[in-house]
N, C-alpha and C. Protein backbone atom coordinates (compact mmCIF):
# COMPACT_ATOMS: atom_id res chain seq x y z
N UNK A 1 -82.79 -40.51 -40.13
CA UNK A 1 -81.87 -39.42 -39.86
C UNK A 1 -80.53 -39.73 -40.55
N UNK A 2 -79.96 -38.70 -41.17
CA UNK A 2 -78.66 -38.85 -41.83
C UNK A 2 -77.57 -39.06 -40.79
N UNK A 3 -76.63 -39.92 -41.12
CA UNK A 3 -75.44 -40.11 -40.28
C UNK A 3 -74.54 -38.89 -40.46
N UNK A 4 -73.90 -38.47 -39.37
CA UNK A 4 -72.99 -37.32 -39.41
C UNK A 4 -71.55 -37.82 -39.52
N UNK A 5 -70.83 -37.30 -40.52
CA UNK A 5 -69.45 -37.68 -40.78
C UNK A 5 -68.59 -36.42 -40.81
N UNK A 6 -67.40 -36.51 -40.22
CA UNK A 6 -66.46 -35.40 -40.29
C UNK A 6 -65.10 -35.93 -40.75
N UNK A 7 -64.47 -35.16 -41.62
CA UNK A 7 -63.11 -35.43 -42.08
C UNK A 7 -62.19 -34.46 -41.35
N UNK A 8 -61.09 -34.98 -40.79
CA UNK A 8 -60.15 -34.17 -40.02
C UNK A 8 -58.76 -34.28 -40.63
N UNK A 9 -58.08 -33.14 -40.78
CA UNK A 9 -56.65 -33.13 -41.11
C UNK A 9 -55.99 -32.00 -40.33
N UNK A 10 -54.79 -31.65 -40.68
CA UNK A 10 -54.05 -30.68 -39.87
C UNK A 10 -54.63 -29.26 -39.99
N UNK A 11 -54.77 -28.74 -41.21
CA UNK A 11 -55.20 -27.35 -41.38
C UNK A 11 -56.58 -27.18 -42.03
N UNK A 12 -57.24 -28.27 -42.38
CA UNK A 12 -58.53 -28.20 -43.07
C UNK A 12 -58.39 -27.39 -44.36
N UNK A 13 -57.25 -27.57 -45.03
CA UNK A 13 -57.00 -26.79 -46.25
C UNK A 13 -57.05 -27.64 -47.51
N UNK A 14 -56.93 -28.97 -47.38
CA UNK A 14 -56.85 -29.81 -48.57
C UNK A 14 -57.55 -31.15 -48.43
N UNK A 15 -56.90 -32.11 -47.77
CA UNK A 15 -57.41 -33.48 -47.73
C UNK A 15 -58.80 -33.58 -47.12
N UNK A 16 -59.00 -32.96 -45.99
CA UNK A 16 -60.32 -33.04 -45.34
C UNK A 16 -61.38 -32.32 -46.18
N UNK A 17 -60.99 -31.24 -46.83
CA UNK A 17 -61.92 -30.51 -47.70
C UNK A 17 -62.32 -31.37 -48.90
N UNK A 18 -61.34 -32.10 -49.46
CA UNK A 18 -61.65 -33.00 -50.58
C UNK A 18 -62.57 -34.12 -50.10
N UNK A 19 -62.30 -34.68 -48.93
CA UNK A 19 -63.16 -35.72 -48.39
C UNK A 19 -64.59 -35.23 -48.20
N UNK A 20 -64.73 -34.06 -47.61
CA UNK A 20 -66.06 -33.47 -47.42
C UNK A 20 -66.75 -33.27 -48.77
N UNK A 21 -66.03 -32.69 -49.72
CA UNK A 21 -66.61 -32.42 -51.03
C UNK A 21 -67.06 -33.69 -51.74
N UNK A 22 -66.20 -34.72 -51.74
CA UNK A 22 -66.55 -35.96 -52.41
C UNK A 22 -67.72 -36.67 -51.73
N UNK A 23 -67.71 -36.77 -50.40
CA UNK A 23 -68.80 -37.48 -49.74
C UNK A 23 -70.12 -36.75 -49.94
N UNK A 24 -70.09 -35.44 -49.86
CA UNK A 24 -71.30 -34.64 -50.10
C UNK A 24 -71.79 -34.86 -51.55
N UNK A 25 -70.85 -34.89 -52.50
CA UNK A 25 -71.17 -35.06 -53.91
C UNK A 25 -71.71 -36.47 -54.20
N UNK A 26 -71.08 -37.47 -53.61
CA UNK A 26 -71.43 -38.86 -53.91
C UNK A 26 -72.60 -39.39 -53.09
N UNK A 27 -72.77 -38.89 -51.87
CA UNK A 27 -73.79 -39.48 -50.99
C UNK A 27 -74.36 -38.46 -50.01
N UNK A 28 -74.51 -37.23 -50.45
CA UNK A 28 -75.07 -36.20 -49.59
C UNK A 28 -76.49 -36.48 -49.16
N UNK A 29 -77.16 -37.37 -49.87
CA UNK A 29 -78.51 -37.76 -49.48
C UNK A 29 -78.50 -38.71 -48.29
N UNK A 30 -77.34 -39.35 -48.03
CA UNK A 30 -77.22 -40.32 -46.93
C UNK A 30 -76.49 -39.78 -45.72
N UNK A 31 -75.67 -38.74 -45.92
CA UNK A 31 -74.80 -38.26 -44.85
C UNK A 31 -74.85 -36.75 -44.71
N UNK A 32 -74.71 -36.29 -43.47
CA UNK A 32 -74.45 -34.88 -43.18
C UNK A 32 -72.93 -34.81 -43.00
N UNK A 33 -72.27 -33.98 -43.79
CA UNK A 33 -70.80 -34.03 -43.88
C UNK A 33 -70.18 -32.70 -43.45
N UNK A 34 -69.07 -32.80 -42.73
CA UNK A 34 -68.31 -31.63 -42.33
C UNK A 34 -66.82 -31.96 -42.44
N UNK A 35 -65.99 -30.94 -42.29
CA UNK A 35 -64.55 -31.15 -42.19
C UNK A 35 -63.99 -30.09 -41.27
N UNK A 36 -62.81 -30.39 -40.71
CA UNK A 36 -62.17 -29.44 -39.80
C UNK A 36 -60.69 -29.78 -39.70
N UNK A 37 -59.94 -28.85 -39.13
CA UNK A 37 -58.51 -29.05 -38.95
C UNK A 37 -58.11 -28.92 -37.49
N UNK A 38 -56.95 -29.45 -37.17
CA UNK A 38 -56.43 -29.35 -35.81
C UNK A 38 -56.03 -27.91 -35.53
N UNK A 39 -55.46 -27.26 -36.53
CA UNK A 39 -55.01 -25.87 -36.42
C UNK A 39 -55.77 -25.03 -37.44
N UNK A 40 -55.74 -23.73 -37.24
CA UNK A 40 -56.35 -22.83 -38.22
C UNK A 40 -55.58 -22.92 -39.54
N UNK A 41 -56.30 -22.93 -40.61
CA UNK A 41 -55.67 -22.98 -41.93
C UNK A 41 -56.43 -22.12 -42.91
N UNK A 42 -56.11 -22.29 -44.18
CA UNK A 42 -56.77 -21.56 -45.25
C UNK A 42 -56.98 -22.53 -46.40
N UNK A 43 -58.15 -22.52 -46.99
CA UNK A 43 -58.46 -23.42 -48.09
C UNK A 43 -57.45 -23.23 -49.22
N UNK A 44 -56.85 -24.33 -49.66
CA UNK A 44 -55.83 -24.33 -50.70
C UNK A 44 -56.50 -24.12 -52.07
N UNK A 45 -56.21 -23.01 -52.75
CA UNK A 45 -56.85 -22.73 -54.04
C UNK A 45 -56.54 -23.78 -55.11
N UNK A 46 -55.39 -24.44 -55.00
CA UNK A 46 -55.06 -25.49 -55.98
C UNK A 46 -55.92 -26.74 -55.73
N UNK A 47 -56.28 -26.99 -54.48
CA UNK A 47 -57.21 -28.09 -54.18
C UNK A 47 -58.58 -27.77 -54.76
N UNK A 48 -59.00 -26.52 -54.64
CA UNK A 48 -60.29 -26.10 -55.22
C UNK A 48 -60.26 -26.35 -56.73
N UNK A 49 -59.15 -26.00 -57.38
CA UNK A 49 -59.03 -26.22 -58.84
C UNK A 49 -59.06 -27.70 -59.18
N UNK A 50 -58.33 -28.50 -58.41
CA UNK A 50 -58.28 -29.94 -58.67
C UNK A 50 -59.66 -30.57 -58.53
N UNK A 51 -60.42 -30.13 -57.55
CA UNK A 51 -61.77 -30.68 -57.36
C UNK A 51 -62.70 -30.22 -58.48
N UNK A 52 -62.56 -28.99 -58.92
CA UNK A 52 -63.39 -28.48 -60.02
C UNK A 52 -63.14 -29.28 -61.29
N UNK A 53 -61.92 -29.77 -61.48
CA UNK A 53 -61.60 -30.58 -62.66
C UNK A 53 -62.45 -31.85 -62.73
N UNK A 54 -62.90 -32.34 -61.59
CA UNK A 54 -63.72 -33.57 -61.56
C UNK A 54 -65.18 -33.27 -61.21
N UNK A 55 -65.56 -32.00 -61.36
CA UNK A 55 -66.96 -31.63 -61.21
C UNK A 55 -67.46 -31.44 -59.80
N UNK A 56 -66.56 -31.23 -58.85
CA UNK A 56 -66.96 -31.01 -57.46
C UNK A 56 -66.52 -29.60 -57.05
N UNK A 57 -67.49 -28.75 -56.76
CA UNK A 57 -67.21 -27.35 -56.42
C UNK A 57 -67.10 -27.20 -54.90
N UNK A 58 -65.89 -26.92 -54.42
CA UNK A 58 -65.70 -26.66 -53.00
C UNK A 58 -65.27 -25.20 -52.77
N UNK A 59 -65.50 -24.36 -53.76
CA UNK A 59 -65.02 -22.97 -53.68
C UNK A 59 -65.68 -22.19 -52.55
N UNK A 60 -66.85 -22.63 -52.08
CA UNK A 60 -67.51 -21.92 -50.97
C UNK A 60 -67.09 -22.47 -49.61
N UNK A 61 -66.28 -23.53 -49.59
CA UNK A 61 -65.79 -24.08 -48.33
C UNK A 61 -64.83 -23.10 -47.68
N UNK A 62 -64.65 -23.23 -46.39
CA UNK A 62 -63.65 -22.46 -45.66
C UNK A 62 -63.09 -23.34 -44.55
N UNK A 63 -61.88 -23.03 -44.12
CA UNK A 63 -61.22 -23.83 -43.10
C UNK A 63 -61.89 -23.61 -41.74
N UNK A 64 -62.12 -24.72 -41.04
CA UNK A 64 -62.72 -24.69 -39.72
C UNK A 64 -61.80 -25.41 -38.74
N UNK A 65 -61.80 -24.97 -37.51
CA UNK A 65 -60.98 -25.57 -36.47
C UNK A 65 -61.79 -26.64 -35.74
N UNK A 66 -61.23 -27.82 -35.60
CA UNK A 66 -61.92 -28.93 -34.94
C UNK A 66 -62.35 -28.56 -33.53
N UNK A 67 -61.50 -27.88 -32.80
CA UNK A 67 -61.83 -27.54 -31.41
C UNK A 67 -63.08 -26.68 -31.33
N UNK A 68 -63.29 -25.81 -32.32
CA UNK A 68 -64.49 -24.97 -32.33
C UNK A 68 -65.75 -25.84 -32.42
N UNK A 69 -65.69 -26.89 -33.24
CA UNK A 69 -66.84 -27.79 -33.37
C UNK A 69 -67.06 -28.59 -32.09
N UNK A 70 -65.95 -29.03 -31.48
CA UNK A 70 -66.05 -29.76 -30.21
C UNK A 70 -66.66 -28.86 -29.15
N UNK A 71 -66.16 -27.62 -29.06
CA UNK A 71 -66.66 -26.66 -28.07
C UNK A 71 -68.14 -26.34 -28.28
N UNK A 72 -68.59 -26.38 -29.53
CA UNK A 72 -69.99 -26.11 -29.85
C UNK A 72 -70.89 -27.32 -29.58
N UNK A 73 -70.29 -28.44 -29.16
CA UNK A 73 -71.08 -29.62 -28.84
C UNK A 73 -71.44 -30.48 -30.03
N UNK A 74 -70.80 -30.24 -31.17
CA UNK A 74 -71.07 -31.07 -32.35
C UNK A 74 -70.72 -32.52 -32.06
N UNK A 75 -71.53 -33.42 -32.55
CA UNK A 75 -71.28 -34.85 -32.38
C UNK A 75 -71.38 -35.51 -33.75
N UNK A 76 -70.52 -36.50 -33.96
CA UNK A 76 -70.45 -37.17 -35.25
C UNK A 76 -70.51 -38.67 -35.05
N UNK A 77 -71.14 -39.35 -36.01
CA UNK A 77 -71.20 -40.80 -35.98
C UNK A 77 -69.89 -41.41 -36.45
N UNK A 78 -69.26 -40.76 -37.41
CA UNK A 78 -67.99 -41.26 -37.96
C UNK A 78 -67.01 -40.12 -38.08
N UNK A 79 -65.80 -40.33 -37.56
CA UNK A 79 -64.70 -39.37 -37.66
C UNK A 79 -63.63 -40.03 -38.52
N UNK A 80 -63.31 -39.38 -39.64
CA UNK A 80 -62.31 -39.92 -40.56
C UNK A 80 -61.12 -38.97 -40.59
N UNK A 81 -60.00 -39.44 -40.06
CA UNK A 81 -58.78 -38.64 -40.11
C UNK A 81 -58.06 -38.95 -41.41
N UNK A 82 -57.60 -37.91 -42.08
CA UNK A 82 -56.92 -38.07 -43.37
C UNK A 82 -55.51 -37.50 -43.32
N UNK A 83 -54.99 -37.33 -42.11
CA UNK A 83 -53.62 -36.85 -41.92
C UNK A 83 -52.65 -37.88 -42.47
N UNK A 84 -51.46 -37.43 -42.85
CA UNK A 84 -50.43 -38.39 -43.22
C UNK A 84 -50.01 -39.14 -41.95
N UNK A 85 -49.27 -40.21 -42.12
CA UNK A 85 -48.94 -41.07 -40.99
C UNK A 85 -48.17 -40.35 -39.90
N UNK A 86 -47.33 -39.39 -40.25
CA UNK A 86 -46.54 -38.70 -39.23
C UNK A 86 -47.38 -37.78 -38.37
N UNK A 87 -48.56 -37.38 -38.86
CA UNK A 87 -49.41 -36.46 -38.10
C UNK A 87 -50.66 -37.13 -37.54
N UNK A 88 -50.85 -38.41 -37.80
CA UNK A 88 -52.10 -39.09 -37.43
C UNK A 88 -52.41 -38.99 -35.95
N UNK A 89 -51.39 -39.10 -35.11
CA UNK A 89 -51.66 -39.09 -33.68
C UNK A 89 -52.11 -37.72 -33.18
N UNK A 90 -51.92 -36.66 -33.96
CA UNK A 90 -52.35 -35.32 -33.56
C UNK A 90 -53.83 -35.08 -33.85
N UNK A 91 -54.44 -35.91 -34.68
CA UNK A 91 -55.85 -35.69 -35.02
C UNK A 91 -56.73 -35.91 -33.80
N UNK A 92 -57.67 -35.02 -33.55
CA UNK A 92 -58.46 -35.10 -32.32
C UNK A 92 -59.54 -36.17 -32.37
N UNK A 93 -60.01 -36.53 -31.20
CA UNK A 93 -61.17 -37.41 -31.09
C UNK A 93 -62.40 -36.53 -30.99
N UNK A 94 -63.49 -37.05 -31.49
CA UNK A 94 -64.77 -36.37 -31.34
C UNK A 94 -65.69 -37.28 -30.55
N UNK A 95 -66.53 -36.70 -29.68
CA UNK A 95 -67.52 -37.54 -29.02
C UNK A 95 -68.54 -38.05 -30.03
N UNK A 96 -69.08 -39.23 -29.79
CA UNK A 96 -70.09 -39.79 -30.68
C UNK A 96 -71.47 -39.27 -30.33
N UNK A 97 -72.47 -39.78 -31.02
CA UNK A 97 -73.86 -39.41 -30.72
C UNK A 97 -74.25 -40.00 -29.38
N UNK A 98 -75.11 -39.32 -28.68
CA UNK A 98 -75.58 -39.84 -27.40
C UNK A 98 -74.56 -39.60 -26.31
N UNK A 99 -74.79 -40.16 -25.16
CA UNK A 99 -73.91 -39.89 -24.03
C UNK A 99 -72.92 -41.01 -23.76
N UNK A 100 -73.22 -42.23 -24.15
CA UNK A 100 -72.35 -43.34 -23.80
C UNK A 100 -71.64 -43.97 -24.99
N UNK A 101 -71.77 -43.38 -26.16
CA UNK A 101 -71.17 -43.99 -27.34
C UNK A 101 -70.07 -43.10 -27.90
N UNK A 102 -69.13 -43.71 -28.52
CA UNK A 102 -68.08 -42.96 -29.21
C UNK A 102 -68.28 -43.10 -30.71
N UNK A 103 -67.84 -42.09 -31.41
CA UNK A 103 -67.92 -42.13 -32.86
C UNK A 103 -67.00 -43.24 -33.38
N UNK A 104 -67.40 -43.80 -34.52
CA UNK A 104 -66.51 -44.71 -35.22
C UNK A 104 -65.36 -43.87 -35.75
N UNK A 105 -64.14 -44.30 -35.49
CA UNK A 105 -62.98 -43.54 -35.95
C UNK A 105 -62.24 -44.35 -36.99
N UNK A 106 -62.03 -43.73 -38.15
CA UNK A 106 -61.29 -44.35 -39.24
C UNK A 106 -60.09 -43.47 -39.55
N UNK A 107 -58.99 -44.09 -39.90
CA UNK A 107 -57.84 -43.30 -40.34
C UNK A 107 -57.46 -43.72 -41.76
N UNK A 108 -57.50 -42.74 -42.66
CA UNK A 108 -57.09 -42.93 -44.04
C UNK A 108 -55.95 -41.95 -44.30
N UNK A 109 -54.73 -42.43 -44.29
CA UNK A 109 -53.59 -41.55 -44.47
C UNK A 109 -53.36 -41.16 -45.92
N UNK A 110 -53.24 -39.88 -46.17
CA UNK A 110 -52.94 -39.35 -47.50
C UNK A 110 -51.84 -38.30 -47.37
N UNK A 111 -51.00 -38.16 -48.40
CA UNK A 111 -49.97 -37.11 -48.37
C UNK A 111 -50.59 -35.72 -48.29
N UNK A 112 -49.86 -34.80 -47.72
CA UNK A 112 -50.34 -33.43 -47.52
C UNK A 112 -50.08 -32.59 -48.77
N UNK A 113 -51.14 -32.11 -49.44
CA UNK A 113 -50.93 -31.27 -50.63
C UNK A 113 -50.11 -30.01 -50.34
N UNK A 114 -50.18 -29.49 -49.13
CA UNK A 114 -49.43 -28.27 -48.83
C UNK A 114 -47.93 -28.53 -48.75
N UNK A 115 -47.52 -29.78 -48.69
CA UNK A 115 -46.10 -30.11 -48.64
C UNK A 115 -45.48 -30.21 -50.03
N UNK A 116 -46.31 -30.13 -51.07
CA UNK A 116 -45.81 -30.22 -52.44
C UNK A 116 -45.03 -28.96 -52.80
N UNK A 117 -44.00 -29.12 -53.61
CA UNK A 117 -43.21 -27.96 -54.02
C UNK A 117 -43.23 -27.84 -55.55
N UNK A 118 -42.75 -26.72 -56.01
CA UNK A 118 -42.71 -26.47 -57.45
C UNK A 118 -43.67 -25.37 -57.85
N UNK A 119 -43.88 -25.26 -59.16
CA UNK A 119 -44.82 -24.27 -59.69
C UNK A 119 -46.25 -24.70 -59.35
N UNK A 120 -47.19 -23.81 -59.55
CA UNK A 120 -48.59 -24.17 -59.31
C UNK A 120 -49.00 -25.37 -60.14
N UNK A 121 -48.54 -25.42 -61.39
CA UNK A 121 -48.89 -26.55 -62.26
C UNK A 121 -48.28 -27.85 -61.74
N UNK A 122 -47.05 -27.77 -61.22
CA UNK A 122 -46.42 -28.97 -60.65
C UNK A 122 -47.13 -29.41 -59.38
N UNK A 123 -47.53 -28.45 -58.56
CA UNK A 123 -48.28 -28.78 -57.34
C UNK A 123 -49.63 -29.40 -57.71
N UNK A 124 -50.31 -28.81 -58.69
CA UNK A 124 -51.60 -29.33 -59.12
C UNK A 124 -51.46 -30.76 -59.63
N UNK A 125 -50.39 -31.03 -60.36
CA UNK A 125 -50.13 -32.40 -60.84
C UNK A 125 -49.92 -33.35 -59.66
N UNK A 126 -49.36 -32.86 -58.56
CA UNK A 126 -49.18 -33.68 -57.37
C UNK A 126 -50.45 -33.86 -56.57
N UNK A 127 -51.35 -32.89 -56.65
CA UNK A 127 -52.62 -32.97 -55.92
C UNK A 127 -53.57 -33.97 -56.57
N UNK A 128 -53.54 -34.07 -57.88
CA UNK A 128 -54.50 -34.94 -58.58
C UNK A 128 -54.49 -36.38 -58.08
N UNK A 129 -53.33 -37.04 -57.91
CA UNK A 129 -53.36 -38.42 -57.41
C UNK A 129 -53.88 -38.52 -55.97
N UNK A 130 -53.62 -37.49 -55.16
CA UNK A 130 -54.16 -37.47 -53.79
C UNK A 130 -55.68 -37.37 -53.86
N UNK A 131 -56.16 -36.46 -54.69
CA UNK A 131 -57.60 -36.28 -54.89
C UNK A 131 -58.24 -37.59 -55.34
N UNK A 132 -57.63 -38.24 -56.32
CA UNK A 132 -58.20 -39.47 -56.86
C UNK A 132 -58.19 -40.60 -55.83
N UNK A 133 -57.15 -40.64 -55.00
CA UNK A 133 -57.06 -41.66 -53.96
C UNK A 133 -58.13 -41.44 -52.89
N UNK A 134 -58.40 -40.18 -52.55
CA UNK A 134 -59.44 -39.87 -51.58
C UNK A 134 -60.79 -40.29 -52.12
N UNK A 135 -61.07 -39.95 -53.38
CA UNK A 135 -62.35 -40.35 -53.98
C UNK A 135 -62.49 -41.87 -53.99
N UNK A 136 -61.44 -42.58 -54.40
CA UNK A 136 -61.49 -44.04 -54.46
C UNK A 136 -61.76 -44.64 -53.08
N UNK A 137 -61.12 -44.11 -52.04
CA UNK A 137 -61.32 -44.62 -50.69
C UNK A 137 -62.76 -44.38 -50.24
N UNK A 138 -63.30 -43.22 -50.54
CA UNK A 138 -64.69 -42.91 -50.18
C UNK A 138 -65.65 -43.84 -50.92
N UNK A 139 -65.40 -44.09 -52.20
CA UNK A 139 -66.27 -44.98 -52.97
C UNK A 139 -66.27 -46.40 -52.38
N UNK A 140 -65.10 -46.89 -51.98
CA UNK A 140 -65.02 -48.22 -51.35
C UNK A 140 -65.80 -48.21 -50.02
N UNK A 141 -65.58 -47.17 -49.22
CA UNK A 141 -66.26 -47.07 -47.93
C UNK A 141 -67.79 -47.00 -48.12
N UNK A 142 -68.23 -46.25 -49.10
CA UNK A 142 -69.67 -46.15 -49.37
C UNK A 142 -70.24 -47.52 -49.75
N UNK A 143 -69.51 -48.27 -50.56
CA UNK A 143 -69.97 -49.60 -50.94
C UNK A 143 -70.06 -50.50 -49.72
N UNK A 144 -69.09 -50.38 -48.81
CA UNK A 144 -69.09 -51.20 -47.60
C UNK A 144 -70.22 -50.81 -46.65
N UNK A 145 -70.53 -49.53 -46.54
CA UNK A 145 -71.56 -49.08 -45.61
C UNK A 145 -72.95 -49.27 -46.17
N UNK A 146 -73.07 -49.50 -47.48
CA UNK A 146 -74.38 -49.71 -48.09
C UNK A 146 -74.94 -51.08 -47.78
N UNK A 147 -74.03 -52.03 -47.46
CA UNK A 147 -74.50 -53.40 -47.23
C UNK A 147 -74.85 -53.65 -45.78
């Protein structure tokens, strides 16, 4: 059975969507992947563009609220929060699989793409290093979980 992983951020508009896209792209055969936000948000079109630049299509993704998944009884083996450090404590907990276990919780802090200012091109230039850092962190984590 595939392990279930969820990426959580504030609005599910950027960082968590990139995490979901990369993990699905790199190891979708090993993991069932989702993402959600603490609050309702809207998928950032510049994040979609940045991901397309590296061959990962997240254009069909949409923002989901974490509480909706919790209310639906979704359970995850690993919960990865990708909020920046100032928002990390707001990221919700998810119950783990089974009745007596908790999900493994990891926190990987990344800057919020929605906080970037400037023209679309300037924002896109700011999103690229965030995107690349998320991919690098996932690749390291995948190598660690493979052993």
